[in-house]
Amino acid sequence: MTLILEPNIPDPDGFYDELLRAHEELTDDESEAFNARLILTLCNHIGDREILRAALEAAK
């Protein structure tokens, strides 16, 4: 399996709005903690270390 880098989320603008709303009323520290939990939750869901390594490289 390879890392998908092309747009792959239905209604990406709608998802971005949901993501922004999830951060509403959070302090900066709470927002950073939320992002960390979200990242770890999604990494756990993916579960494939090769894909996760590729994602780390792509994010650099």
Protein backbone atom coordinates (compact mmCIF):
# COMPACT_ATOMS: atom_id res chain seq x y z
CA MET A 1 0.00 0.00 0.00
CA THR A 2 1.28 3.51 -0.78
CA LEU A 3 0.51 6.83 0.82
CA ILE A 4 -2.27 8.73 -0.95
CA LEU A 5 -1.20 12.34 -1.49
CA GLU A 6 -3.93 13.41 -3.92
CA PRO A 7 -7.15 14.91 -2.52
CA ASN A 8 -9.16 11.99 -1.14
CA ILE A 9 -11.72 13.48 1.26
CA PRO A 10 -15.28 13.99 0.02
CA ASP A 11 -16.26 17.63 0.61
CA PRO A 12 -12.82 18.76 1.81
CA ASP A 13 -14.08 22.28 2.55
CA GLY A 14 -16.82 20.86 4.75
CA PHE A 15 -14.29 18.74 6.61
CA TYR A 16 -12.00 21.74 7.08
CA ASP A 17 -14.93 23.67 8.58
CA GLU A 18 -15.59 20.76 10.97
CA LEU A 19 -11.93 20.72 11.95
CA LEU A 20 -11.94 24.45 12.64
CA ARG A 21 -15.15 24.16 14.68
CA ALA A 22 -13.56 21.41 16.78
CA HIS A 23 -10.96 23.99 17.86
CA GLU A 24 -13.45 26.72 18.75
CA GLU A 25 -13.27 27.88 22.37
CA LEU A 26 -10.08 25.87 22.99
CA THR A 27 -7.01 27.55 24.41
CA ASP A 28 -3.79 27.25 22.43
CA ASP A 29 -2.62 24.44 24.74
CA GLU A 30 -5.96 22.62 24.45
CA SER A 31 -5.85 23.02 20.66
CA GLU A 32 -2.34 21.54 20.50
CA ALA A 33 -3.41 18.64 22.73
CA PHE A 34 -6.48 18.07 20.55
CA ASN A 35 -4.28 17.97 17.43
CA ALA A 36 -1.93 15.48 19.10
CA ARG A 37 -4.84 13.21 20.09
CA LEU A 38 -6.33 13.45 16.60
CA ILE A 39 -3.00 12.58 14.97
CA LEU A 40 -2.43 9.60 17.26
CA THR A 41 -6.02 8.39 16.75
CA LEU A 42 -5.63 8.52 12.97
CA CYS A 43 -2.18 6.89 13.11
CA ASN A 44 -3.63 4.07 15.19
CA HIS A 45 -6.43 3.65 12.66
CA ILE A 46 -3.94 3.48 9.78
CA GLY A 47 -1.70 1.12 11.71
CA ASP A 48 0.78 0.55 8.87
CA ARG A 49 4.24 1.72 9.94
CA GLU A 50 5.46 2.04 6.34
CA ILE A 51 2.55 4.34 5.50
CA LEU A 52 3.08 6.32 8.71
CA ARG A 53 6.80 6.75 7.90
CA ALA A 54 5.89 7.96 4.42
CA ALA A 55 3.39 10.42 5.95
CA LEU A 56 6.07 11.75 8.31
CA GLU A 57 8.40 12.34 5.36
CA ALA A 58 5.66 13.94 3.25
CA ALA A 59 4.78 16.31 6.09
CA LYS A 60 8.36 17.59 6.30
